[in-house]
Amino acid sequence: EIVRCCAYELAVVLAKESAASLSAVKF
């Protein structure tokens, strides 16, 4: 769960950049 939360934090940072980035990390 610690590693997963790091992945979630990274995904949120990337998703904020653009709709295209959000789509790429939606999974």
mmCIF file of all heavy atoms, coordinates in Angstrom:
data_MODEL
# 
_entry.id   MODEL 
# 
loop_
_atom_site.group_PDB 
_atom_site.id 
_atom_site.type_symbol 
_atom_site.label_atom_id 
_atom_site.label_alt_id 
_atom_site.label_comp_id 
_atom_site.label_asym_id 
_atom_site.label_entity_id 
_atom_site.label_seq_id 
_atom_site.pdbx_PDB_ins_code 
_atom_site.Cartn_x 
_atom_site.Cartn_y 
_atom_site.Cartn_z 
_atom_site.occupancy 
_atom_site.B_iso_or_equiv 
_atom_site.pdbx_formal_charge 
_atom_site.auth_seq_id 
_atom_site.auth_comp_id 
_atom_site.auth_asym_id 
_atom_site.auth_atom_id 
_atom_site.pdbx_PDB_model_num 
ATOM 1   N N   . GLU A 1 1  ? 0.810   -1.222 0.000   1.00 0.00 ? 1  GLU A N   1 
ATOM 2   C CA  . GLU A 1 1  ? 0.000   0.000  0.000   1.00 0.00 ? 1  GLU A CA  1 
ATOM 3   C C   . GLU A 1 1  ? 0.845   1.275  0.000   1.00 0.00 ? 1  GLU A C   1 
ATOM 4   O O   . GLU A 1 1  ? 0.423   2.306  -0.545  1.00 0.00 ? 1  GLU A O   1 
ATOM 5   C CB  . GLU A 1 1  ? -0.965  0.016  1.191   1.00 0.00 ? 1  GLU A CB  1 
ATOM 6   C CG  . GLU A 1 1  ? -0.319  0.035  2.563   1.00 0.00 ? 1  GLU A CG  1 
ATOM 7   C CD  . GLU A 1 1  ? -0.047  -1.367 3.087   1.00 0.00 ? 1  GLU A CD  1 
ATOM 8   O OE1 . GLU A 1 1  ? -0.089  -2.335 2.295   1.00 0.00 ? 1  GLU A OE1 1 
ATOM 9   O OE2 . GLU A 1 1  ? 0.199   -1.495 4.303   1.00 0.00 ? 1  GLU A OE2 1 
ATOM 10  N N   . ILE A 1 2  ? 2.044   1.232  0.581   1.00 0.00 ? 2  ILE A N   1 
ATOM 11  C CA  . ILE A 1 2  ? 2.898   2.427  0.587   1.00 0.00 ? 2  ILE A CA  1 
ATOM 12  C C   . ILE A 1 2  ? 3.348   2.758  -0.828  1.00 0.00 ? 2  ILE A C   1 
ATOM 13  O O   . ILE A 1 2  ? 3.299   3.917  -1.263  1.00 0.00 ? 2  ILE A O   1 
ATOM 14  C CB  . ILE A 1 2  ? 4.122   2.206  1.502   1.00 0.00 ? 2  ILE A CB  1 
ATOM 15  C CG1 . ILE A 1 2  ? 3.670   2.042  2.964   1.00 0.00 ? 2  ILE A CG1 1 
ATOM 16  C CG2 . ILE A 1 2  ? 5.099   3.370  1.384   1.00 0.00 ? 2  ILE A CG2 1 
ATOM 17  C CD1 . ILE A 1 2  ? 4.804   1.713  3.913   1.00 0.00 ? 2  ILE A CD1 1 
ATOM 18  N N   . VAL A 1 3  ? 3.766   1.738  -1.566  1.00 0.00 ? 3  VAL A N   1 
ATOM 19  C CA  . VAL A 1 3  ? 4.184   1.950  -2.952  1.00 0.00 ? 3  VAL A CA  1 
ATOM 20  C C   . VAL A 1 3  ? 2.991   2.380  -3.804  1.00 0.00 ? 3  VAL A C   1 
ATOM 21  O O   . VAL A 1 3  ? 3.106   3.281  -4.647  1.00 0.00 ? 3  VAL A O   1 
ATOM 22  C CB  . VAL A 1 3  ? 4.829   0.677  -3.528  1.00 0.00 ? 3  VAL A CB  1 
ATOM 23  C CG1 . VAL A 1 3  ? 5.177   0.861  -5.005  1.00 0.00 ? 3  VAL A CG1 1 
ATOM 24  C CG2 . VAL A 1 3  ? 6.075   0.307  -2.729  1.00 0.00 ? 3  VAL A CG2 1 
ATOM 25  N N   . ARG A 1 4  ? 1.844   1.750  -3.586  1.00 0.00 ? 4  ARG A N   1 
ATOM 26  C CA  . ARG A 1 4  ? 0.651   2.121  -4.356  1.00 0.00 ? 4  ARG A CA  1 
ATOM 27  C C   . ARG A 1 4  ? 0.300   3.592  -4.124  1.00 0.00 ? 4  ARG A C   1 
ATOM 28  O O   . ARG A 1 4  ? -0.047  4.321  -5.068  1.00 0.00 ? 4  ARG A O   1 
ATOM 29  C CB  . ARG A 1 4  ? -0.537  1.230  -3.981  1.00 0.00 ? 4  ARG A CB  1 
ATOM 30  C CG  . ARG A 1 4  ? -0.343  -0.231 -4.319  1.00 0.00 ? 4  ARG A CG  1 
ATOM 31  C CD  . ARG A 1 4  ? -1.665  -0.981 -4.438  1.00 0.00 ? 4  ARG A CD  1 
ATOM 32  N NE  . ARG A 1 4  ? -2.490  -0.892 -3.254  1.00 0.00 ? 4  ARG A NE  1 
ATOM 33  C CZ  . ARG A 1 4  ? -2.416  -1.694 -2.195  1.00 0.00 ? 4  ARG A CZ  1 
ATOM 34  N NH1 . ARG A 1 4  ? -1.483  -2.649 -2.160  1.00 0.00 ? 4  ARG A NH1 1 
ATOM 35  N NH2 . ARG A 1 4  ? -3.237  -1.560 -1.167  1.00 0.00 ? 4  ARG A NH2 1 
ATOM 36  N N   . CYS A 1 5  ? 0.401   4.044  -2.891  1.00 0.00 ? 5  CYS A N   1 
ATOM 37  C CA  . CYS A 1 5  ? 0.075   5.448  -2.595  1.00 0.00 ? 5  CYS A CA  1 
ATOM 38  C C   . CYS A 1 5  ? 1.068   6.394  -3.274  1.00 0.00 ? 5  CYS A C   1 
ATOM 39  O O   . CYS A 1 5  ? 0.685   7.489  -3.703  1.00 0.00 ? 5  CYS A O   1 
ATOM 40  C CB  . CYS A 1 5  ? 0.052   5.684  -1.086  1.00 0.00 ? 5  CYS A CB  1 
ATOM 41  S SG  . CYS A 1 5  ? -1.471  5.089  -0.301  1.00 0.00 ? 5  CYS A SG  1 
ATOM 42  N N   . CYS A 1 6  ? 2.321   5.979  -3.388  1.00 0.00 ? 6  CYS A N   1 
ATOM 43  C CA  . CYS A 1 6  ? 3.287   6.782  -4.146  1.00 0.00 ? 6  CYS A CA  1 
ATOM 44  C C   . CYS A 1 6  ? 2.857   6.890  -5.610  1.00 0.00 ? 6  CYS A C   1 
ATOM 45  O O   . CYS A 1 6  ? 2.957   7.956  -6.234  1.00 0.00 ? 6  CYS A O   1 
ATOM 46  C CB  . CYS A 1 6  ? 4.682   6.170  -4.056  1.00 0.00 ? 6  CYS A CB  1 
ATOM 47  S SG  . CYS A 1 6  ? 5.455   6.305  -2.442  1.00 0.00 ? 6  CYS A SG  1 
ATOM 48  N N   . ALA A 1 7  ? 2.380   5.770  -6.168  1.00 0.00 ? 7  ALA A N   1 
ATOM 49  C CA  . ALA A 1 7  ? 1.897   5.771  -7.556  1.00 0.00 ? 7  ALA A CA  1 
ATOM 50  C C   . ALA A 1 7  ? 0.677   6.670  -7.694  1.00 0.00 ? 7  ALA A C   1 
ATOM 51  O O   . ALA A 1 7  ? 0.541   7.404  -8.683  1.00 0.00 ? 7  ALA A O   1 
ATOM 52  C CB  . ALA A 1 7  ? 1.565   4.352  -7.996  1.00 0.00 ? 7  ALA A CB  1 
ATOM 53  N N   . TYR A 1 8  ? -0.211  6.650  -6.695  1.00 0.00 ? 8  TYR A N   1 
ATOM 54  C CA  . TYR A 1 8  ? -1.405  7.497  -6.742  1.00 0.00 ? 8  TYR A CA  1 
ATOM 55  C C   . TYR A 1 8  ? -1.018  8.983  -6.683  1.00 0.00 ? 8  TYR A C   1 
ATOM 56  O O   . TYR A 1 8  ? -1.572  9.812  -7.410  1.00 0.00 ? 8  TYR A O   1 
ATOM 57  C CB  . TYR A 1 8  ? -2.343  7.177  -5.572  1.00 0.00 ? 8  TYR A CB  1 
ATOM 58  C CG  . TYR A 1 8  ? -2.802  5.734  -5.505  1.00 0.00 ? 8  TYR A CG  1 
ATOM 59  C CD1 . TYR A 1 8  ? -3.130  5.140  -4.283  1.00 0.00 ? 8  TYR A CD1 1 
ATOM 60  C CD2 . TYR A 1 8  ? -2.898  4.952  -6.654  1.00 0.00 ? 8  TYR A CD2 1 
ATOM 61  C CE1 . TYR A 1 8  ? -3.543  3.814  -4.216  1.00 0.00 ? 8  TYR A CE1 1 
ATOM 62  C CE2 . TYR A 1 8  ? -3.310  3.625  -6.596  1.00 0.00 ? 8  TYR A CE2 1 
ATOM 63  C CZ  . TYR A 1 8  ? -3.622  3.060  -5.362  1.00 0.00 ? 8  TYR A CZ  1 
ATOM 64  O OH  . TYR A 1 8  ? -4.031  1.752  -5.291  1.00 0.00 ? 8  TYR A OH  1 
ATOM 65  N N   . GLU A 1 9  ? -0.053  9.286  -5.817  1.00 0.00 ? 9  GLU A N   1 
ATOM 66  C CA  . GLU A 1 9  ? 0.394   10.684 -5.713  1.00 0.00 ? 9  GLU A CA  1 
ATOM 67  C C   . GLU A 1 9  ? 0.996   11.156 -7.025  1.00 0.00 ? 9  GLU A C   1 
ATOM 68  O O   . GLU A 1 9  ? 0.713   12.271 -7.490  1.00 0.00 ? 9  GLU A O   1 
ATOM 69  C CB  . GLU A 1 9  ? 1.425   10.821 -4.586  1.00 0.00 ? 9  GLU A CB  1 
ATOM 70  C CG  . GLU A 1 9  ? 1.916   12.234 -4.378  1.00 0.00 ? 9  GLU A CG  1 
ATOM 71  C CD  . GLU A 1 9  ? 2.936   12.354 -3.263  1.00 0.00 ? 9  GLU A CD  1 
ATOM 72  O OE1 . GLU A 1 9  ? 3.181   11.345 -2.557  1.00 0.00 ? 9  GLU A OE1 1 
ATOM 73  O OE2 . GLU A 1 9  ? 3.492   13.461 -3.091  1.00 0.00 ? 9  GLU A OE2 1 
ATOM 74  N N   . LEU A 1 10 ? 1.804   10.321 -7.647  1.00 0.00 ? 10 LEU A N   1 
ATOM 75  C CA  . LEU A 1 10 ? 2.398   10.659 -8.940  1.00 0.00 ? 10 LEU A CA  1 
ATOM 76  C C   . LEU A 1 10 ? 1.313   10.864 -9.987  1.00 0.00 ? 10 LEU A C   1 
ATOM 77  O O   . LEU A 1 10 ? 1.361   11.823 -10.771 1.00 0.00 ? 10 LEU A O   1 
ATOM 78  C CB  . LEU A 1 10 ? 3.348   9.541  -9.371  1.00 0.00 ? 10 LEU A CB  1 
ATOM 79  C CG  . LEU A 1 10 ? 3.924   9.644  -10.789 1.00 0.00 ? 10 LEU A CG  1 
ATOM 80  C CD1 . LEU A 1 10 ? 4.746   10.915 -10.945 1.00 0.00 ? 10 LEU A CD1 1 
ATOM 81  C CD2 . LEU A 1 10 ? 4.770   8.410  -11.106 1.00 0.00 ? 10 LEU A CD2 1 
ATOM 82  N N   . ALA A 1 11 ? 0.325   9.979  -10.005 1.00 0.00 ? 11 ALA A N   1 
ATOM 83  C CA  . ALA A 1 11 ? -0.744  10.080 -11.001 1.00 0.00 ? 11 ALA A CA  1 
ATOM 84  C C   . ALA A 1 11 ? -1.522  11.381 -10.849 1.00 0.00 ? 11 ALA A C   1 
ATOM 85  O O   . ALA A 1 11 ? -1.878  12.027 -11.844 1.00 0.00 ? 11 ALA A O   1 
ATOM 86  C CB  . ALA A 1 11 ? -1.688  8.884  -10.867 1.00 0.00 ? 11 ALA A CB  1 
ATOM 87  N N   . VAL A 1 12 ? -1.791  11.796 -9.614  1.00 0.00 ? 12 VAL A N   1 
ATOM 88  C CA  . VAL A 1 12 ? -2.533  13.043 -9.387  1.00 0.00 ? 12 VAL A CA  1 
ATOM 89  C C   . VAL A 1 12 ? -1.720  14.237 -9.874  1.00 0.00 ? 12 VAL A C   1 
ATOM 90  O O   . VAL A 1 12 ? -2.257  15.144 -10.530 1.00 0.00 ? 12 VAL A O   1 
ATOM 91  C CB  . VAL A 1 12 ? -2.893  13.192 -7.896  1.00 0.00 ? 12 VAL A CB  1 
ATOM 92  C CG1 . VAL A 1 12 ? -3.429  14.597 -7.602  1.00 0.00 ? 12 VAL A CG1 1 
ATOM 93  C CG2 . VAL A 1 12 ? -3.939  12.149 -7.496  1.00 0.00 ? 12 VAL A CG2 1 
ATOM 94  N N   . VAL A 1 13 ? -0.426  14.238 -9.580  1.00 0.00 ? 13 VAL A N   1 
ATOM 95  C CA  . VAL A 1 13 ? 0.439   15.334 -10.045 1.00 0.00 ? 13 VAL A CA  1 
ATOM 96  C C   . VAL A 1 13 ? 0.424   15.417 -11.563 1.00 0.00 ? 13 VAL A C   1 
ATOM 97  O O   . VAL A 1 13 ? 0.313   16.509 -12.147 1.00 0.00 ? 13 VAL A O   1 
ATOM 98  C CB  . VAL A 1 13 ? 1.882   15.127 -9.527  1.00 0.00 ? 13 VAL A CB  1 
ATOM 99  C CG1 . VAL A 1 13 ? 2.832   16.124 -10.174 1.00 0.00 ? 13 VAL A CG1 1 
ATOM 100 C CG2 . VAL A 1 13 ? 1.937   15.269 -8.011  1.00 0.00 ? 13 VAL A CG2 1 
ATOM 101 N N   . LEU A 1 14 ? 0.534   14.277 -12.231 1.00 0.00 ? 14 LEU A N   1 
ATOM 102 C CA  . LEU A 1 14 ? 0.525   14.263 -13.700 1.00 0.00 ? 14 LEU A CA  1 
ATOM 103 C C   . LEU A 1 14 ? -0.847  14.632 -14.242 1.00 0.00 ? 14 LEU A C   1 
ATOM 104 O O   . LEU A 1 14 ? -0.962  15.378 -15.228 1.00 0.00 ? 14 LEU A O   1 
ATOM 105 C CB  . LEU A 1 14 ? 0.927   12.881 -14.198 1.00 0.00 ? 14 LEU A CB  1 
ATOM 106 C CG  . LEU A 1 14 ? 2.373   12.460 -13.934 1.00 0.00 ? 14 LEU A CG  1 
ATOM 107 C CD1 . LEU A 1 14 ? 2.563   10.974 -14.202 1.00 0.00 ? 14 LEU A CD1 1 
ATOM 108 C CD2 . LEU A 1 14 ? 3.334   13.273 -14.793 1.00 0.00 ? 14 LEU A CD2 1 
ATOM 109 N N   . ALA A 1 15 ? -1.905  14.125 -13.618 1.00 0.00 ? 15 ALA A N   1 
ATOM 110 C CA  . ALA A 1 15 ? -3.267  14.367 -14.103 1.00 0.00 ? 15 ALA A CA  1 
ATOM 111 C C   . ALA A 1 15 ? -3.631  15.839 -14.053 1.00 0.00 ? 15 ALA A C   1 
ATOM 112 O O   . ALA A 1 15 ? -4.413  16.322 -14.879 1.00 0.00 ? 15 ALA A O   1 
ATOM 113 C CB  . ALA A 1 15 ? -4.261  13.549 -13.284 1.00 0.00 ? 15 ALA A CB  1 
ATOM 114 N N   . LYS A 1 16 ? -3.074  16.575 -13.090 1.00 0.00 ? 16 LYS A N   1 
ATOM 115 C CA  . LYS A 1 16 ? -3.378  18.000 -12.974 1.00 0.00 ? 16 LYS A CA  1 
ATOM 116 C C   . LYS A 1 16 ? -2.831  18.800 -14.150 1.00 0.00 ? 16 LYS A C   1 
ATOM 117 O O   . LYS A 1 16 ? -3.329  19.894 -14.444 1.00 0.00 ? 16 LYS A O   1 
ATOM 118 C CB  . LYS A 1 16 ? -2.800  18.548 -11.668 1.00 0.00 ? 16 LYS A CB  1 
ATOM 119 C CG  . LYS A 1 16 ? -3.568  18.127 -10.420 1.00 0.00 ? 16 LYS A CG  1 
ATOM 120 C CD  . LYS A 1 16 ? -2.826  18.520 -9.154  1.00 0.00 ? 16 LYS A CD  1 
ATOM 121 C CE  . LYS A 1 16 ? -2.594  20.009 -9.070  1.00 0.00 ? 16 LYS A CE  1 
ATOM 122 N NZ  . LYS A 1 16 ? -1.885  20.386 -7.821  1.00 0.00 ? 16 LYS A NZ  1 
ATOM 123 N N   . GLU A 1 17 ? -1.802  18.256 -14.820 1.00 0.00 ? 17 GLU A N   1 
ATOM 124 C CA  . GLU A 1 17 ? -1.146  19.005 -15.890 1.00 0.00 ? 17 GLU A CA  1 
ATOM 125 C C   . GLU A 1 17 ? -2.068  19.240 -17.079 1.00 0.00 ? 17 GLU A C   1 
ATOM 126 O O   . GLU A 1 17 ? -2.087  20.323 -17.657 1.00 0.00 ? 17 GLU A O   1 
ATOM 127 C CB  . GLU A 1 17 ? 0.115   18.260 -16.348 1.00 0.00 ? 17 GLU A CB  1 
ATOM 128 C CG  . GLU A 1 17 ? 1.228   18.236 -15.322 1.00 0.00 ? 17 GLU A CG  1 
ATOM 129 C CD  . GLU A 1 17 ? 1.741   19.611 -14.987 1.00 0.00 ? 17 GLU A CD  1 
ATOM 130 O OE1 . GLU A 1 17 ? 1.940   20.417 -15.912 1.00 0.00 ? 17 GLU A OE1 1 
ATOM 131 O OE2 . GLU A 1 17 ? 1.920   19.899 -13.782 1.00 0.00 ? 17 GLU A OE2 1 
ATOM 132 N N   . SER A 1 18 ? -2.819  18.227 -17.488 1.00 0.00 ? 18 SER A N   1 
ATOM 133 C CA  . SER A 1 18 ? -3.683  18.365 -18.661 1.00 0.00 ? 18 SER A CA  1 
ATOM 134 C C   . SER A 1 18 ? -4.675  17.216 -18.705 1.00 0.00 ? 18 SER A C   1 
ATOM 135 O O   . SER A 1 18 ? -4.481  16.183 -18.055 1.00 0.00 ? 18 SER A O   1 
ATOM 136 C CB  . SER A 1 18 ? -2.852  18.369 -19.953 1.00 0.00 ? 18 SER A CB  1 
ATOM 137 O OG  . SER A 1 18 ? -2.261  17.089 -20.145 1.00 0.00 ? 18 SER A OG  1 
ATOM 138 N N   . ALA A 1 19 ? -5.720  17.401 -19.514 1.00 0.00 ? 19 ALA A N   1 
ATOM 139 C CA  . ALA A 1 19 ? -6.710  16.339 -19.689 1.00 0.00 ? 19 ALA A CA  1 
ATOM 140 C C   . ALA A 1 19 ? -6.074  15.121 -20.350 1.00 0.00 ? 19 ALA A C   1 
ATOM 141 O O   . ALA A 1 19 ? -6.424  13.976 -20.045 1.00 0.00 ? 19 ALA A O   1 
ATOM 142 C CB  . ALA A 1 19 ? -7.876  16.854 -20.527 1.00 0.00 ? 19 ALA A CB  1 
ATOM 143 N N   . ALA A 1 20 ? -5.113  15.368 -21.258 1.00 0.00 ? 20 ALA A N   1 
ATOM 144 C CA  . ALA A 1 20 ? -4.442  14.256 -21.939 1.00 0.00 ? 20 ALA A CA  1 
ATOM 145 C C   . ALA A 1 20 ? -3.623  13.422 -20.945 1.00 0.00 ? 20 ALA A C   1 
ATOM 146 O O   . ALA A 1 20 ? -3.634  12.194 -20.987 1.00 0.00 ? 20 ALA A O   1 
ATOM 147 C CB  . ALA A 1 20 ? -3.540  14.793 -23.053 1.00 0.00 ? 20 ALA A CB  1 
ATOM 148 N N   . SER A 1 21 ? -2.918  14.096 -20.042 1.00 0.00 ? 21 SER A N   1 
ATOM 149 C CA  . SER A 1 21 ? -2.138  13.379 -19.034 1.00 0.00 ? 21 SER A CA  1 
ATOM 150 C C   . SER A 1 21 ? -3.059  12.603 -18.103 1.00 0.00 ? 21 SER A C   1 
ATOM 151 O O   . SER A 1 21 ? -2.756  11.466 -17.715 1.00 0.00 ? 21 SER A O   1 
ATOM 152 C CB  . SER A 1 21 ? -1.279  14.358 -18.232 1.00 0.00 ? 21 SER A CB  1 
ATOM 153 O OG  . SER A 1 21 ? -0.272  14.933 -19.045 1.00 0.00 ? 21 SER A OG  1 
ATOM 154 N N   . LEU A 1 22 ? -4.175  13.213 -17.745 1.00 0.00 ? 22 LEU A N   1 
ATOM 155 C CA  . LEU A 1 22 ? -5.138  12.508 -16.883 1.00 0.00 ? 22 LEU A CA  1 
ATOM 156 C C   . LEU A 1 22 ? -5.613  11.232 -17.562 1.00 0.00 ? 22 LEU A C   1 
ATOM 157 O O   . LEU A 1 22 ? -5.702  10.176 -16.932 1.00 0.00 ? 22 LEU A O   1 
ATOM 158 C CB  . LEU A 1 22 ? -6.314  13.416 -16.544 1.00 0.00 ? 22 LEU A CB  1 
ATOM 159 C CG  . LEU A 1 22 ? -7.310  12.874 -15.509 1.00 0.00 ? 22 LEU A CG  1 
ATOM 160 C CD1 . LEU A 1 22 ? -7.992  14.021 -14.749 1.00 0.00 ? 22 LEU A CD1 1 
ATOM 161 C CD2 . LEU A 1 22 ? -8.382  11.991 -16.128 1.00 0.00 ? 22 LEU A CD2 1 
ATOM 162 N N   . SER A 1 23 ? -5.902  11.323 -18.853 1.00 0.00 ? 23 SER A N   1 
ATOM 163 C CA  . SER A 1 23 ? -6.363  10.149 -19.583 1.00 0.00 ? 23 SER A CA  1 
ATOM 164 C C   . SER A 1 23 ? -5.318  9.035  -19.570 1.00 0.00 ? 23 SER A C   1 
ATOM 165 O O   . SER A 1 23 ? -5.648  7.854  -19.447 1.00 0.00 ? 23 SER A O   1 
ATOM 166 C CB  . SER A 1 23 ? -6.693  10.550 -21.028 1.00 0.00 ? 23 SER A CB  1 
ATOM 167 O OG  . SER A 1 23 ? -7.132  9.432  -21.764 1.00 0.00 ? 23 SER A OG  1 
ATOM 168 N N   . ALA A 1 24 ? -4.039  9.428  -19.654 1.00 0.00 ? 24 ALA A N   1 
ATOM 169 C CA  . ALA A 1 24 ? -2.965  8.430  -19.689 1.00 0.00 ? 24 ALA A CA  1 
ATOM 170 C C   . ALA A 1 24 ? -2.779  7.724  -18.352 1.00 0.00 ? 24 ALA A C   1 
ATOM 171 O O   . ALA A 1 24 ? -2.321  6.582  -18.314 1.00 0.00 ? 24 ALA A O   1 
ATOM 172 C CB  . ALA A 1 24 ? -1.661  9.094  -20.114 1.00 0.00 ? 24 ALA A CB  1 
ATOM 173 N N   . VAL A 1 25 ? -3.117  8.398  -17.252 1.00 0.00 ? 25 VAL A N   1 
ATOM 174 C CA  . VAL A 1 25 ? -2.934  7.784  -15.922 1.00 0.00 ? 25 VAL A CA  1 
ATOM 175 C C   . VAL A 1 25 ? -4.266  7.436  -15.269 1.00 0.00 ? 25 VAL A C   1 
ATOM 176 O O   . VAL A 1 25 ? -4.320  7.149  -14.076 1.00 0.00 ? 25 VAL A O   1 
ATOM 177 C CB  . VAL A 1 25 ? -2.113  8.710  -14.982 1.00 0.00 ? 25 VAL A CB  1 
ATOM 178 C CG1 . VAL A 1 25 ? -0.722  8.950  -15.530 1.00 0.00 ? 25 VAL A CG1 1 
ATOM 179 C CG2 . VAL A 1 25 ? -2.837  10.032 -14.747 1.00 0.00 ? 25 VAL A CG2 1 
ATOM 180 N N   . LYS A 1 26 ? -5.324  7.434  -16.064 1.00 0.00 ? 26 LYS A N   1 
ATOM 181 C CA  . LYS A 1 26 ? -6.663  7.170  -15.517 1.00 0.00 ? 26 LYS A CA  1 
ATOM 182 C C   . LYS A 1 26 ? -6.730  5.814  -14.834 1.00 0.00 ? 26 LYS A C   1 
ATOM 183 O O   . LYS A 1 26 ? -7.414  5.645  -13.822 1.00 0.00 ? 26 LYS A O   1 
ATOM 184 C CB  . LYS A 1 26 ? -7.711  7.258  -16.643 1.00 0.00 ? 26 LYS A CB  1 
ATOM 185 C CG  . LYS A 1 26 ? -9.153  7.191  -16.155 1.00 0.00 ? 26 LYS A CG  1 
ATOM 186 C CD  . LYS A 1 26 ? -10.106 7.676  -17.239 1.00 0.00 ? 26 LYS A CD  1 
ATOM 187 C CE  . LYS A 1 26 ? -10.072 6.775  -18.461 1.00 0.00 ? 26 LYS A CE  1 
ATOM 188 N NZ  . LYS A 1 26 ? -10.627 5.438  -18.192 1.00 0.00 ? 26 LYS A NZ  1 
ATOM 189 N N   . PHE A 1 27 ? -5.997  4.841  -15.359 1.00 0.00 ? 27 PHE A N   1 
ATOM 190 C CA  . PHE A 1 27 ? -6.044  3.508  -14.752 1.00 0.00 ? 27 PHE A CA  1 
ATOM 191 C C   . PHE A 1 27 ? -5.466  3.524  -13.337 1.00 0.00 ? 27 PHE A C   1 
ATOM 192 O O   . PHE A 1 27 ? -5.887  2.753  -12.476 1.00 0.00 ? 27 PHE A O   1 
ATOM 193 C CB  . PHE A 1 27 ? -5.304  2.493  -15.636 1.00 0.00 ? 27 PHE A CB  1 
ATOM 194 C CG  . PHE A 1 27 ? -3.808  2.664  -15.697 1.00 0.00 ? 27 PHE A CG  1 
ATOM 195 C CD1 . PHE A 1 27 ? -2.978  1.898  -14.897 1.00 0.00 ? 27 PHE A CD1 1 
ATOM 196 C CD2 . PHE A 1 27 ? -3.233  3.594  -16.555 1.00 0.00 ? 27 PHE A CD2 1 
ATOM 197 C CE1 . PHE A 1 27 ? -1.598  2.040  -14.959 1.00 0.00 ? 27 PHE A CE1 1 
ATOM 198 C CE2 . PHE A 1 27 ? -1.859  3.742  -16.627 1.00 0.00 ? 27 PHE A CE2 1 
ATOM 199 C CZ  . PHE A 1 27 ? -1.033  2.970  -15.822 1.00 0.00 ? 27 PHE A CZ  1 
# 
